[in-house]
N, C-alpha and C. Protein backbone atom coordinates (compact mmCIF):
# COMPACT_ATOMS: atom_id res chain seq x y z
N MET A 1 33.44 106.60 87.01
CA MET A 1 32.75 106.44 85.89
C MET A 1 31.30 106.32 86.07
N PHE A 2 30.73 105.75 86.75
CA PHE A 2 29.20 105.36 87.15
C PHE A 2 28.64 106.31 88.09
N ALA A 3 29.78 107.19 89.16
CA ALA A 3 29.44 108.31 89.87
C ALA A 3 27.82 108.87 89.29
N ASP A 4 27.44 109.61 88.17
CA ASP A 4 26.02 109.78 88.26
C ASP A 4 25.01 109.08 88.50
N LEU A 5 25.39 107.92 88.76
CA LEU A 5 24.45 106.92 88.84
C LEU A 5 23.73 107.06 90.38
N LEU A 6 24.50 108.08 91.45
CA LEU A 6 24.50 108.50 92.48
C LEU A 6 23.21 109.17 92.67
N LYS A 7 23.11 110.29 91.38
CA LYS A 7 22.10 111.54 91.44
C LYS A 7 20.89 110.79 91.66
N TYR A 8 20.45 109.22 91.26
CA TYR A 8 19.15 109.23 91.73
C TYR A 8 18.73 108.67 93.01
N GLN A 9 19.50 108.75 93.95
CA GLN A 9 19.37 109.22 95.22
C GLN A 9 18.36 110.31 95.69
N ASP A 10 18.03 111.14 94.95
CA ASP A 10 17.04 112.23 94.88
C ASP A 10 15.65 111.74 93.81
N ARG A 11 14.89 111.82 94.33
CA ARG A 11 13.71 111.96 94.04
C ARG A 11 13.44 112.73 92.97
N SER A 12 14.06 113.82 93.13
CA SER A 12 14.05 115.18 92.04
C SER A 12 14.75 114.69 90.70
N TYR A 13 15.85 114.15 90.93
CA TYR A 13 16.53 113.90 89.81
C TYR A 13 15.92 112.98 89.09
N TRP A 14 15.51 112.08 89.69
CA TRP A 14 14.49 110.90 88.87
C TRP A 14 13.27 111.64 88.24
N GLU A 15 12.51 112.42 89.01
CA GLU A 15 11.53 112.78 87.99
C GLU A 15 12.08 114.01 86.74
N SER A 16 13.34 114.36 86.61
CA SER A 16 13.70 115.20 85.53
C SER A 16 14.36 114.12 84.55
N HIS A 17 15.00 113.05 84.83
CA HIS A 17 15.66 112.04 84.40
C HIS A 17 14.89 110.61 84.32
N SER A 18 13.62 110.35 84.20
CA SER A 18 13.29 108.86 84.54
C SER A 18 13.43 108.06 83.60
N ILE A 19 13.93 108.37 81.91
CA ILE A 19 14.00 107.77 81.13
C ILE A 19 15.39 107.30 80.80
N ILE A 20 15.88 105.95 80.24
CA ILE A 20 17.35 106.08 79.99
C ILE A 20 17.56 105.65 78.57
N ARG A 21 18.15 106.05 77.67
CA ARG A 21 18.60 105.70 76.49
C ARG A 21 19.56 104.42 76.30
N LEU A 22 19.29 103.59 75.87
CA LEU A 22 20.10 102.79 75.49
C LEU A 22 20.11 102.36 73.91
N ASP A 23 20.94 102.93 73.04
CA ASP A 23 20.79 102.78 71.52
C ASP A 23 22.19 102.10 70.71
N THR A 24 21.80 101.42 70.06
CA THR A 24 22.63 100.84 69.27
C THR A 24 22.72 101.22 68.04
N LEU A 25 23.87 100.45 67.09
CA LEU A 25 23.62 101.07 65.39
C LEU A 25 22.55 101.09 65.01
N GLU A 26 21.57 99.45 65.37
CA GLU A 26 20.45 98.95 64.76
C GLU A 26 18.88 99.64 65.70
N VAL A 27 19.16 99.63 67.09
CA VAL A 27 17.98 100.09 68.00
C VAL A 27 17.87 101.05 68.62
N GLU A 28 16.98 102.13 68.75
CA GLU A 28 16.75 102.86 70.01
C GLU A 28 16.12 102.13 70.75
N GLN A 29 16.45 102.09 72.28
CA GLN A 29 15.95 101.37 73.25
C GLN A 29 15.47 102.61 74.33
N ARG A 30 14.39 102.70 74.84
CA ARG A 30 14.06 103.62 76.21
C ARG A 30 13.76 102.13 77.25
N TYR A 31 14.25 102.73 78.21
CA TYR A 31 14.18 102.03 79.50
C TYR A 31 13.55 103.26 80.93
N LYS A 32 12.99 102.96 81.77
CA LYS A 32 12.53 103.89 82.54
C LYS A 32 12.63 103.41 83.92
N VAL A 33 13.50 104.41 84.78
CA VAL A 33 14.15 104.24 86.26
C VAL A 33 12.68 103.50 86.93
N PHE A 34 12.68 102.52 87.84
CA PHE A 34 11.31 102.74 88.72
C PHE A 34 11.70 102.36 90.51
N SER A 35 13.51 101.93 90.60
CA SER A 35 14.14 101.74 91.61
C SER A 35 15.32 102.10 91.81
N ALA A 36 15.61 102.48 92.93
CA ALA A 36 17.31 102.85 93.01
C ALA A 36 17.34 102.64 94.47
N PHE A 37 18.20 102.20 94.89
CA PHE A 37 18.32 101.82 96.33
C PHE A 37 19.72 101.16 96.65
N TYR A 38 20.09 101.23 97.78
CA TYR A 38 21.67 101.18 98.26
C TYR A 38 21.49 99.08 98.29
N ALA A 39 22.45 98.72 98.40
CA ALA A 39 22.54 97.14 98.24
C ALA A 39 23.78 96.50 98.90
N ALA A 40 23.82 96.11 99.74
CA ALA A 40 25.09 95.27 101.01
C ALA A 40 25.39 94.48 100.33
N GLU A 41 26.82 94.21 100.35
CA GLU A 41 27.31 93.48 99.54
C GLU A 41 26.87 91.74 100.01
N GLU A 42 26.12 91.63 101.24
CA GLU A 42 25.32 90.44 101.24
C GLU A 42 24.06 90.06 100.43
N ASP A 43 24.05 90.97 99.56
CA ASP A 43 22.67 91.15 98.82
C ASP A 43 23.08 89.85 97.81
N TRP A 44 24.43 89.78 97.33
CA TRP A 44 25.11 89.04 96.24
C TRP A 44 26.07 87.77 96.97
N THR A 45 26.13 87.63 98.26
CA THR A 45 26.72 86.72 98.88
C THR A 45 25.94 85.50 99.82
N MET A 46 24.83 86.39 100.10
CA MET A 46 23.92 85.54 101.30
C MET A 46 23.12 84.90 100.60
N GLU A 47 22.75 84.05 101.04
CA GLU A 47 21.29 82.94 99.87
C GLU A 47 20.24 83.90 99.92
N GLU A 48 19.90 84.54 100.65
CA GLU A 48 18.35 85.48 101.17
C GLU A 48 18.52 86.31 100.44
N GLY A 49 19.68 86.92 99.71
CA GLY A 49 20.23 88.17 99.33
C GLY A 49 19.45 88.05 98.04
N ILE A 50 19.01 89.23 97.15
CA ILE A 50 18.48 89.35 96.26
C ILE A 50 19.05 89.20 94.47
N PHE A 51 19.98 89.36 95.20
CA PHE A 51 21.34 89.13 93.84
C PHE A 51 21.66 87.75 93.77
N TYR A 52 21.96 87.02 94.87
CA TYR A 52 22.35 85.81 94.86
C TYR A 52 21.20 84.71 94.19
N GLU A 53 20.01 85.19 95.00
CA GLU A 53 19.01 84.41 94.56
C GLU A 53 18.55 84.71 93.01
N LEU A 54 18.36 85.62 92.32
CA LEU A 54 18.65 86.26 91.08
C LEU A 54 19.51 85.70 90.10
N TYR A 55 20.62 85.69 90.69
CA TYR A 55 21.75 84.86 89.97
C TYR A 55 22.22 83.34 89.86
N HIS A 56 21.62 82.68 91.16
CA HIS A 56 22.07 81.16 91.11
C HIS A 56 20.95 80.60 90.81
N HIS A 57 19.76 81.56 91.46
CA HIS A 57 18.39 80.99 90.89
C HIS A 57 17.18 81.22 89.97
N GLY A 58 17.84 82.49 89.42
CA GLY A 58 16.57 83.44 88.70
C GLY A 58 15.57 83.53 88.83
N TYR A 59 14.79 84.34 89.08
CA TYR A 59 13.26 84.85 89.64
C TYR A 59 12.33 84.08 88.66
N LYS A 60 11.50 82.96 88.79
CA LYS A 60 10.48 82.62 87.87
C LYS A 60 9.48 83.54 87.55
N ASP A 61 9.16 84.04 88.69
CA ASP A 61 8.01 85.39 88.71
C ASP A 61 8.63 86.43 88.37
N LYS A 62 8.48 86.95 87.22
CA LYS A 62 9.31 88.41 86.96
C LYS A 62 8.55 89.32 87.78
N ALA A 63 7.11 89.27 87.59
CA ALA A 63 6.37 90.22 88.15
C ALA A 63 6.64 90.47 89.65
N LYS A 64 6.69 89.40 90.39
CA LYS A 64 7.29 89.53 91.81
C LYS A 64 8.64 90.02 91.79
N LEU A 65 9.79 89.90 91.29
CA LEU A 65 10.60 90.65 91.40
C LEU A 65 10.64 91.88 90.63
N ALA A 66 9.76 92.27 89.94
CA ALA A 66 10.23 93.80 89.68
C ALA A 66 9.25 94.33 91.12
N ALA A 67 8.10 94.01 91.44
CA ALA A 67 7.57 93.97 92.77
C ALA A 67 8.57 94.18 93.95
N VAL A 68 9.45 93.23 94.08
CA VAL A 68 10.58 93.34 95.08
C VAL A 68 11.60 94.45 94.83
N LEU A 69 11.93 94.47 93.79
CA LEU A 69 12.85 95.62 93.29
C LEU A 69 11.99 97.33 93.40
N ALA A 70 10.73 97.09 93.53
CA ALA A 70 10.36 98.49 93.22
C ALA A 70 9.81 98.69 95.21
N GLU A 71 10.24 97.97 95.86
CA GLU A 71 9.79 98.02 97.11
C GLU A 71 10.95 98.24 97.99
N LYS A 72 11.85 97.99 97.25
CA LYS A 72 13.59 98.12 98.05
C LYS A 72 13.77 99.42 97.25
N SER A 73 13.18 100.22 96.54
CA SER A 73 13.32 101.89 96.30
C SER A 73 13.37 102.76 97.38
N LEU A 74 14.50 103.87 97.16
CA LEU A 74 14.29 104.56 98.20
C LEU A 74 13.30 105.90 98.04
N TYR A 75 12.05 105.75 97.07
CA TYR A 75 11.19 106.26 96.63
C TYR A 75 10.32 105.41 95.74
N VAL A 76 8.85 105.83 95.77
CA VAL A 76 7.80 105.23 95.08
C VAL A 76 7.81 105.96 93.63
N THR A 77 7.92 105.40 92.34
CA THR A 77 8.19 105.93 91.06
C THR A 77 6.00 105.51 90.73
N ASP A 78 6.24 106.47 89.31
CA ASP A 78 4.83 105.75 88.98
C ASP A 78 4.68 104.56 87.78
N TYR A 79 5.76 103.99 88.18
CA TYR A 79 5.82 103.15 87.03
C TYR A 79 6.67 101.62 87.52
N ILE A 80 5.60 100.25 87.15
CA ILE A 80 6.27 99.09 87.36
C ILE A 80 6.21 98.33 86.36
N PRO A 81 7.47 97.63 85.91
CA PRO A 81 7.58 97.39 84.50
C PRO A 81 6.27 96.12 84.43
N GLN A 82 6.01 95.61 83.04
CA GLN A 82 5.11 94.30 83.04
C GLN A 82 5.92 93.32 83.31
N ALA A 83 5.57 91.71 83.45
CA ALA A 83 6.46 90.44 83.77
C ALA A 83 7.35 90.28 82.76
N ASP A 84 7.03 90.66 81.30
CA ASP A 84 7.59 90.27 80.03
C ASP A 84 8.80 91.33 79.82
N ASP A 85 8.59 92.67 80.37
CA ASP A 85 9.45 93.39 80.33
C ASP A 85 10.79 93.32 80.75
N PRO A 86 11.80 93.30 79.54
CA PRO A 86 13.34 93.07 80.10
C PRO A 86 13.82 94.47 81.22
N LEU A 87 14.59 94.23 82.03
CA LEU A 87 15.39 94.89 83.23
C LEU A 87 16.58 95.00 82.73
N VAL A 88 16.97 96.38 82.86
CA VAL A 88 18.53 96.69 83.25
C VAL A 88 18.81 96.99 84.53
N PHE A 89 19.77 96.64 84.83
CA PHE A 89 20.61 97.26 85.89
C PHE A 89 21.65 97.65 85.88
N LEU A 90 21.92 99.15 86.43
CA LEU A 90 23.15 99.80 86.60
C LEU A 90 23.50 100.01 87.92
N ILE A 91 24.81 99.79 88.18
CA ILE A 91 25.34 99.52 89.39
C ILE A 91 26.65 100.20 89.94
N THR A 92 26.93 100.80 90.61
CA THR A 92 28.02 101.41 91.05
C THR A 92 28.23 101.56 92.43
N CYS A 93 29.38 101.53 92.77
CA CYS A 93 30.12 102.11 94.36
C CYS A 93 29.36 102.91 94.76
N SER A 94 28.74 103.10 96.13
CA SER A 94 28.28 104.10 96.79
C SER A 94 29.13 104.26 98.32
N TYR A 95 30.10 103.69 98.68
CA TYR A 95 30.60 103.79 99.71
C TYR A 95 29.88 103.99 101.27
N TRP A 96 28.62 103.69 101.21
CA TRP A 96 27.81 103.83 102.47
C TRP A 96 27.85 102.80 103.41
N LYS A 97 28.84 101.96 102.78
CA LYS A 97 29.35 100.72 103.64
C LYS A 97 29.80 99.89 102.60
N LYS A 98 30.99 99.42 103.46
CA LYS A 98 32.33 98.23 103.19
C LYS A 98 31.01 97.40 102.14
N GLY A 99 31.84 97.20 100.64
CA GLY A 99 31.43 96.48 100.09
C GLY A 99 29.89 96.90 98.94
N GLY A 100 29.49 98.28 99.67
CA GLY A 100 28.17 98.68 99.10
C GLY A 100 27.83 99.11 98.28
N ARG A 101 27.33 98.83 97.09
CA ARG A 101 26.47 99.43 96.01
C ARG A 101 25.12 99.93 96.22
N PHE A 102 25.07 100.89 95.23
CA PHE A 102 23.66 102.18 94.47
C PHE A 102 23.29 101.01 93.34
N VAL A 103 22.22 101.13 93.24
CA VAL A 103 21.27 100.39 92.38
C VAL A 103 20.14 101.03 91.55
N VAL A 104 20.22 101.30 90.07
CA VAL A 104 19.27 101.70 89.49
C VAL A 104 18.74 100.63 88.48
N VAL A 105 17.53 100.22 88.46
CA VAL A 105 16.88 99.28 88.25
C VAL A 105 16.00 99.99 87.10
N CYS A 106 16.02 99.76 85.78
CA CYS A 106 15.11 99.98 84.99
C CYS A 106 14.63 99.35 84.01
N GLY A 107 12.78 99.45 83.28
CA GLY A 107 12.36 98.48 82.63
C GLY A 107 11.76 98.66 81.60
N LYS A 108 11.91 98.28 80.43
CA LYS A 108 11.80 98.55 78.82
C LYS A 108 10.67 99.70 78.96
N TYR A 109 10.84 100.20 78.22
CA TYR A 109 9.61 101.30 77.98
C TYR A 109 9.50 101.90 76.84
N LEU A 110 8.36 101.80 76.19
CA LEU A 110 7.69 101.96 74.67
C LEU A 110 7.81 103.22 74.48
N LEU A 111 8.67 103.73 73.19
CA LEU A 111 8.44 105.11 72.83
C LEU A 111 6.87 105.94 72.63
N ASP A 112 6.47 105.40 72.45
CA ASP A 112 4.70 105.65 72.53
C ASP A 112 3.88 105.90 73.68
N GLU A 113 4.89 105.44 74.64
CA GLU A 113 4.36 105.67 76.34
C GLU A 113 4.80 106.98 76.87
N ALA A 114 6.19 107.59 76.26
CA ALA A 114 6.98 108.49 76.77
C ALA A 114 6.51 109.88 76.29
């Protein structure tokens, strides 16, 4: 169902699909993809794993979190969210490694910026 997320492995796909719409009955929202990367199972289970840290302790410094996520990306994008911007994590199986996942991370993006 989420296999299309794997298209974000290629920068050229991101270039033409960098904005993701998440609309509800009340609100139209836009998020811009700023990081796409492979995550190993250890990222969730080991204390030094980024998702373990996020889930168990939270990141107090959201600007640092955005920088860490951007650094993990397979390619450099032209966007890093602000510290207060909500983030959306889209995650799917990637089969590159047992228990591996492919992660696409987006930051809230204002309509007048698009």
